[in-house]
Amino acid sequence: MNGNTRANISIGAKVKIVLKADQRSGKLTEGIVKDILTNSPTHPHGIKVRLTTGEVGRVKEA
């Protein structure tokens, strides 16, 4: 699923995100969504979320 649409992401969902430090390499980090930080319904670079581990990044795969 597409990580650019907020409706595709829910709290407790397993997602793959790219962390700010990994944006150049594109390395994905997998985890469970704790909070959805982007308020708008869509974002061209992916919806920003916080994982249960505390890591913050943009969703690339939902």
PDB file of N, CA and C in Angstrom:
ATOM      1  N   MET A   1       0.831  -1.190   0.000  1.00  0.00           N
ATOM      2  CA  MET A   1       0.000   0.000   0.000  1.00  0.00           C
ATOM      3  C   MET A   1       0.878   1.258   0.000  1.00  0.00           C
ATOM      4  N   ASN A   2       0.270   2.333  -0.372  1.00  0.00           N
ATOM      5  CA  ASN A   2       0.974   3.605  -0.503  1.00  0.00           C
ATOM      6  C   ASN A   2       1.087   4.323   0.845  1.00  0.00           C
ATOM      7  N   GLY A   3       2.289   4.791   1.199  1.00  0.00           N
ATOM      8  CA  GLY A   3       2.506   5.494   2.467  1.00  0.00           C
ATOM      9  C   GLY A   3       2.255   6.984   2.367  1.00  0.00           C
ATOM     10  N   ASN A   4       1.784   7.464   1.202  1.00  0.00           N
ATOM     11  CA  ASN A   4       1.552   8.900   1.018  1.00  0.00           C
ATOM     12  C   ASN A   4       0.157   9.335   1.450  1.00  0.00           C
ATOM     13  N   THR A   5      -0.727   8.388   1.752  1.00  0.00           N
ATOM     14  CA  THR A   5      -2.105   8.695   2.124  1.00  0.00           C
ATOM     15  C   THR A   5      -2.354   8.301   3.574  1.00  0.00           C
ATOM     16  N   ARG A   6      -2.837   9.263   4.357  1.00  0.00           N
ATOM     17  CA  ARG A   6      -3.051   9.050   5.799  1.00  0.00           C
ATOM     18  C   ARG A   6      -4.078   7.957   6.077  1.00  0.00           C
ATOM     19  N   ALA A   7      -5.076   7.836   5.194  1.00  0.00           N
ATOM     20  CA  ALA A   7      -6.151   6.851   5.382  1.00  0.00           C
ATOM     21  C   ALA A   7      -5.628   5.413   5.328  1.00  0.00           C
ATOM     22  N   ASN A   8      -4.482   5.197   4.675  1.00  0.00           N
ATOM     23  CA  ASN A   8      -3.910   3.849   4.556  1.00  0.00           C
ATOM     24  C   ASN A   8      -3.173   3.413   5.810  1.00  0.00           C
ATOM     25  N   ILE A   9      -2.940   4.337   6.746  1.00  0.00           N
ATOM     26  CA  ILE A   9      -2.098   4.060   7.914  1.00  0.00           C
ATOM     27  C   ILE A   9      -2.954   4.158   9.176  1.00  0.00           C
ATOM     28  N   SER A  10      -2.825   3.165  10.048  1.00  0.00           N
ATOM     29  CA  SER A  10      -3.555   3.204  11.307  1.00  0.00           C
ATOM     30  C   SER A  10      -2.615   2.860  12.454  1.00  0.00           C
ATOM     31  N   ILE A  11      -2.963   3.308  13.640  1.00  0.00           N
ATOM     32  CA  ILE A  11      -2.164   3.015  14.825  1.00  0.00           C
ATOM     33  C   ILE A  11      -2.192   1.505  15.060  1.00  0.00           C
ATOM     34  N   GLY A  12      -1.027   0.930  15.299  1.00  0.00           N
ATOM     35  CA  GLY A  12      -0.915  -0.506  15.493  1.00  0.00           C
ATOM     36  C   GLY A  12      -0.569  -1.265  14.221  1.00  0.00           C
ATOM     37  N   ALA A  13      -0.533  -0.548  13.089  1.00  0.00           N
ATOM     38  CA  ALA A  13      -0.209  -1.194  11.810  1.00  0.00           C
ATOM     39  C   ALA A  13       1.293  -1.394  11.687  1.00  0.00           C
ATOM     40  N   LYS A  14       1.685  -2.461  10.983  1.00  0.00           N
ATOM     41  CA  LYS A  14       3.102  -2.721  10.719  1.00  0.00           C
ATOM     42  C   LYS A  14       3.463  -1.981   9.428  1.00  0.00           C
ATOM     43  N   VAL A  15       4.493  -1.135   9.498  1.00  0.00           N
ATOM     44  CA  VAL A  15       4.896  -0.324   8.347  1.00  0.00           C
ATOM     45  C   VAL A  15       6.414  -0.339   8.195  1.00  0.00           C
ATOM     46  N   LYS A  16       6.878   0.137   7.052  1.00  0.00           N
ATOM     47  CA  LYS A  16       8.307   0.355   6.819  1.00  0.00           C
ATOM     48  C   LYS A  16       8.483   1.845   6.587  1.00  0.00           C
ATOM     49  N   ILE A  17       9.398   2.449   7.372  1.00  0.00           N
ATOM     50  CA  ILE A  17       9.632   3.889   7.280  1.00  0.00           C
ATOM     51  C   ILE A  17      11.075   4.155   6.908  1.00  0.00           C
ATOM     52  N   VAL A  18      11.321   5.366   6.424  1.00  0.00           N
ATOM     53  CA  VAL A  18      12.696   5.823   6.207  1.00  0.00           C
ATOM     54  C   VAL A  18      12.953   6.906   7.256  1.00  0.00           C
ATOM     55  N   LEU A  19      14.008   6.704   8.056  1.00  0.00           N
ATOM     56  CA  LEU A  19      14.385   7.674   9.082  1.00  0.00           C
ATOM     57  C   LEU A  19      15.080   8.863   8.425  1.00  0.00           C
ATOM     58  N   LYS A  20      15.081  10.018   9.100  1.00  0.00           N
ATOM     59  CA  LYS A  20      15.734  11.216   8.568  1.00  0.00           C
ATOM     60  C   LYS A  20      17.200  10.924   8.215  1.00  0.00           C
ATOM     61  N   ALA A  21      17.898  10.229   9.082  1.00  0.00           N
ATOM     62  CA  ALA A  21      19.324   9.919   8.869  1.00  0.00           C
ATOM     63  C   ALA A  21      19.531   8.966   7.689  1.00  0.00           C
ATOM     64  N   ASP A  22      18.492   8.214   7.330  1.00  0.00           N
ATOM     65  CA  ASP A  22      18.613   7.218   6.255  1.00  0.00           C
ATOM     66  C   ASP A  22      18.025   7.686   4.930  1.00  0.00           C
ATOM     67  N   GLN A  23      17.628   8.954   4.838  1.00  0.00           N
ATOM     68  CA  GLN A  23      16.967   9.422   3.617  1.00  0.00           C
ATOM     69  C   GLN A  23      17.863   9.301   2.390  1.00  0.00           C
ATOM     70  N   ARG A  24      19.157   9.572   2.538  1.00  0.00           N
ATOM     71  CA  ARG A  24      20.068   9.480   1.385  1.00  0.00           C
ATOM     72  C   ARG A  24      20.232   8.040   0.917  1.00  0.00           C
ATOM     73  N   SER A  25      20.360   7.109   1.864  1.00  0.00           N
ATOM     74  CA  SER A  25      20.570   5.703   1.498  1.00  0.00           C
ATOM     75  C   SER A  25      19.248   5.013   1.156  1.00  0.00           C
ATOM     76  N   GLY A  26      18.137   5.503   1.711  1.00  0.00           N
ATOM     77  CA  GLY A  26      16.833   4.889   1.459  1.00  0.00           C
ATOM     78  C   GLY A  26      16.588   3.645   2.296  1.00  0.00           C
ATOM     79  N   LYS A  27      17.429   3.418   3.320  1.00  0.00           N
ATOM     80  CA  LYS A  27      17.295   2.241   4.191  1.00  0.00           C
ATOM     81  C   LYS A  27      15.956   2.296   4.934  1.00  0.00           C
ATOM     82  N   LEU A  28      15.227   1.187   4.888  1.00  0.00           N
ATOM     83  CA  LEU A  28      13.919   1.131   5.532  1.00  0.00           C
ATOM     84  C   LEU A  28      14.014   0.498   6.914  1.00  0.00           C
ATOM     85  N   THR A  29      13.198   1.000   7.835  1.00  0.00           N
ATOM     86  CA  THR A  29      13.107   0.478   9.194  1.00  0.00           C
ATOM     87  C   THR A  29      11.681  -0.010   9.401  1.00  0.00           C
ATOM     88  N   GLU A  30      11.521  -1.246   9.853  1.00  0.00           N
ATOM     89  CA  GLU A  30      10.196  -1.815  10.043  1.00  0.00           C
ATOM     90  C   GLU A  30       9.768  -1.657  11.493  1.00  0.00           C
ATOM     91  N   GLY A  31       8.478  -1.405  11.708  1.00  0.00           N
ATOM     92  CA  GLY A  31       7.971  -1.284  13.065  1.00  0.00           C
ATOM     93  C   GLY A  31       6.471  -1.118  13.111  1.00  0.00           C
ATOM     94  N   ILE A  32       5.971  -0.916  14.316  1.00  0.00           N
ATOM     95  CA  ILE A  32       4.540  -0.754  14.574  1.00  0.00           C
ATOM     96  C   ILE A  32       4.254   0.726  14.856  1.00  0.00           C
ATOM     97  N   VAL A  33       3.210   1.273  14.231  1.00  0.00           N
ATOM     98  CA  VAL A  33       2.858   2.689  14.386  1.00  0.00           C
ATOM     99  C   VAL A  33       2.300   2.952  15.781  1.00  0.00           C
ATOM    100  N   LYS A  34       2.897   3.924  16.474  1.00  0.00           N
ATOM    101  CA  LYS A  34       2.399   4.374  17.781  1.00  0.00           C
ATOM    102  C   LYS A  34       1.580   5.651  17.620  1.00  0.00           C
ATOM    103  N   ASP A  35       2.120   6.620  16.848  1.00  0.00           N
ATOM    104  CA  ASP A  35       1.441   7.899  16.612  1.00  0.00           C
ATOM    105  C   ASP A  35       1.569   8.274  15.148  1.00  0.00           C
ATOM    106  N   ILE A  36       0.524   8.932  14.619  1.00  0.00           N
ATOM    107  CA  ILE A  36       0.586   9.501  13.277  1.00  0.00           C
ATOM    108  C   ILE A  36       0.823  10.999  13.465  1.00  0.00           C
ATOM    109  N   LEU A  37       1.936  11.501  12.934  1.00  0.00           N
ATOM    110  CA  LEU A  37       2.344  12.880  13.194  1.00  0.00           C
ATOM    111  C   LEU A  37       1.907  13.863  12.100  1.00  0.00           C
ATOM    112  N   THR A  38       1.621  13.381  10.897  1.00  0.00           N
ATOM    113  CA  THR A  38       1.175  14.257   9.811  1.00  0.00           C
ATOM    114  C   THR A  38      -0.332  14.439   9.911  1.00  0.00           C
ATOM    115  N   ASN A  39      -0.775  15.700   9.898  1.00  0.00           N
ATOM    116  CA  ASN A  39      -2.211  15.984  10.011  1.00  0.00           C
ATOM    117  C   ASN A  39      -2.925  16.002   8.668  1.00  0.00           C
ATOM    118  N   SER A  40      -2.211  16.358   7.594  1.00  0.00           N
ATOM    119  CA  SER A  40      -2.865  16.462   6.285  1.00  0.00           C
ATOM    120  C   SER A  40      -3.214  15.070   5.749  1.00  0.00           C
ATOM    121  N   PRO A  41      -4.238  14.970   4.884  1.00  0.00           N
ATOM    122  CA  PRO A  41      -4.659  13.659   4.380  1.00  0.00           C
ATOM    123  C   PRO A  41      -3.632  12.975   3.476  1.00  0.00           C
ATOM    124  N   THR A  42      -2.778  13.771   2.805  1.00  0.00           N
ATOM    125  CA  THR A  42      -1.727  13.193   1.961  1.00  0.00           C
ATOM    126  C   THR A  42      -0.441  13.988   2.133  1.00  0.00           C
ATOM    127  N   HIS A  43       0.680  13.357   1.793  1.00  0.00           N
ATOM    128  CA  HIS A  43       1.984  14.040   1.794  1.00  0.00           C
ATOM    129  C   HIS A  43       2.836  13.391   0.715  1.00  0.00           C
ATOM    130  N   PRO A  44       3.477  14.185  -0.161  1.00  0.00           N
ATOM    131  CA  PRO A  44       4.218  13.610  -1.285  1.00  0.00           C
ATOM    132  C   PRO A  44       5.407  12.733  -0.889  1.00  0.00           C
ATOM    133  N   HIS A  45       5.995  12.952   0.286  1.00  0.00           N
ATOM    134  CA  HIS A  45       7.160  12.167   0.713  1.00  0.00           C
ATOM    135  C   HIS A  45       6.797  11.064   1.692  1.00  0.00           C
ATOM    136  N   GLY A  46       5.529  10.935   2.029  1.00  0.00           N
ATOM    137  CA  GLY A  46       5.084   9.905   2.969  1.00  0.00           C
ATOM    138  C   GLY A  46       4.584  10.525   4.265  1.00  0.00           C
ATOM    139  N   ILE A  47       3.657   9.853   4.908  1.00  0.00           N
ATOM    140  CA  ILE A  47       3.086  10.309   6.177  1.00  0.00           C
ATOM    141  C   ILE A  47       4.105  10.072   7.285  1.00  0.00           C
ATOM    142  N   LYS A  48       4.326  11.103   8.112  1.00  0.00           N
ATOM    143  CA  LYS A  48       5.296  10.980   9.204  1.00  0.00           C
ATOM    144  C   LYS A  48       4.626  10.299  10.399  1.00  0.00           C
ATOM    145  N   VAL A  49       5.318   9.274  10.930  1.00  0.00           N
ATOM    146  CA  VAL A  49       4.791   8.511  12.066  1.00  0.00           C
ATOM    147  C   VAL A  49       5.882   8.300  13.113  1.00  0.00           C
ATOM    148  N   ARG A  50       5.455   7.969  14.323  1.00  0.00           N
ATOM    149  CA  ARG A  50       6.363   7.546  15.396  1.00  0.00           C
ATOM    150  C   ARG A  50       6.084   6.073  15.649  1.00  0.00           C
ATOM    151  N   LEU A  51       7.133   5.264  15.672  1.00  0.00           N
ATOM    152  CA  LEU A  51       6.991   3.840  15.945  1.00  0.00           C
ATOM    153  C   LEU A  51       6.978   3.594  17.446  1.00  0.00           C
ATOM    154  N   THR A  52       6.611   2.378  17.840  1.00  0.00           N
ATOM    155  CA  THR A  52       6.589   2.024  19.271  1.00  0.00           C
ATOM    156  C   THR A  52       7.975   2.098  19.875  1.00  0.00           C
ATOM    157  N   THR A  53       9.028   2.004  19.027  1.00  0.00           N
ATOM    158  CA  THR A  53      10.410   2.098  19.501  1.00  0.00           C
ATOM    159  C   THR A  53      10.834   3.542  19.737  1.00  0.00           C
ATOM    160  N   GLY A  54       9.989   4.505  19.315  1.00  0.00           N
ATOM    161  CA  GLY A  54      10.312   5.924  19.476  1.00  0.00           C
ATOM    162  C   GLY A  54      10.921   6.541  18.225  1.00  0.00           C
ATOM    163  N   GLU A  55      11.213   5.725  17.217  1.00  0.00           N
ATOM    164  CA  GLU A  55      11.812   6.240  15.984  1.00  0.00           C
ATOM    165  C   GLU A  55      10.744   6.978  15.171  1.00  0.00           C
ATOM    166  N   VAL A  56      11.162   8.081  14.527  1.00  0.00           N
ATOM    167  CA  VAL A  56      10.254   8.900  13.730  1.00  0.00           C
ATOM    168  C   VAL A  56      10.741   8.909  12.296  1.00  0.00           C
ATOM    169  N   GLY A  57       9.813   8.709  11.370  1.00  0.00           N
ATOM    170  CA  GLY A  57      10.173   8.739   9.951  1.00  0.00           C
ATOM    171  C   GLY A  57       8.941   8.768   9.088  1.00  0.00           C
ATOM    172  N   ARG A  58       9.176   8.768   7.775  1.00  0.00           N
ATOM    173  CA  ARG A  58       8.069   8.812   6.815  1.00  0.00           C
ATOM    174  C   ARG A  58       7.788   7.416   6.264  1.00  0.00           C
ATOM    175  N   VAL A  59       6.503   7.069   6.171  1.00  0.00           N
ATOM    176  CA  VAL A  59       6.080   5.743   5.719  1.00  0.00           C
ATOM    177  C   VAL A  59       6.346   5.589   4.221  1.00  0.00           C
ATOM    178  N   LYS A  60       7.037   4.519   3.866  1.00  0.00           N
ATOM    179  CA  LYS A  60       7.268   4.176   2.460  1.00  0.00           C
ATOM    180  C   LYS A  60       6.427   2.987   2.054  1.00  0.00           C
ATOM    181  N   GLU A  61       6.180   2.051   2.975  1.00  0.00           N
ATOM    182  CA  GLU A  61       5.348   0.881   2.706  1.00  0.00           C
ATOM    183  C   GLU A  61       4.420   0.665   3.884  1.00  0.00           C
ATOM    184  N   ALA A  62       3.123   0.616   3.572  1.00  0.00           N
ATOM    185  CA  ALA A  62       2.131   0.399   4.643  1.00  0.00           C
ATOM    186  C   ALA A  62       1.550  -0.997   4.547  1.00  0.00           C
TER     187      ALA A  62
END
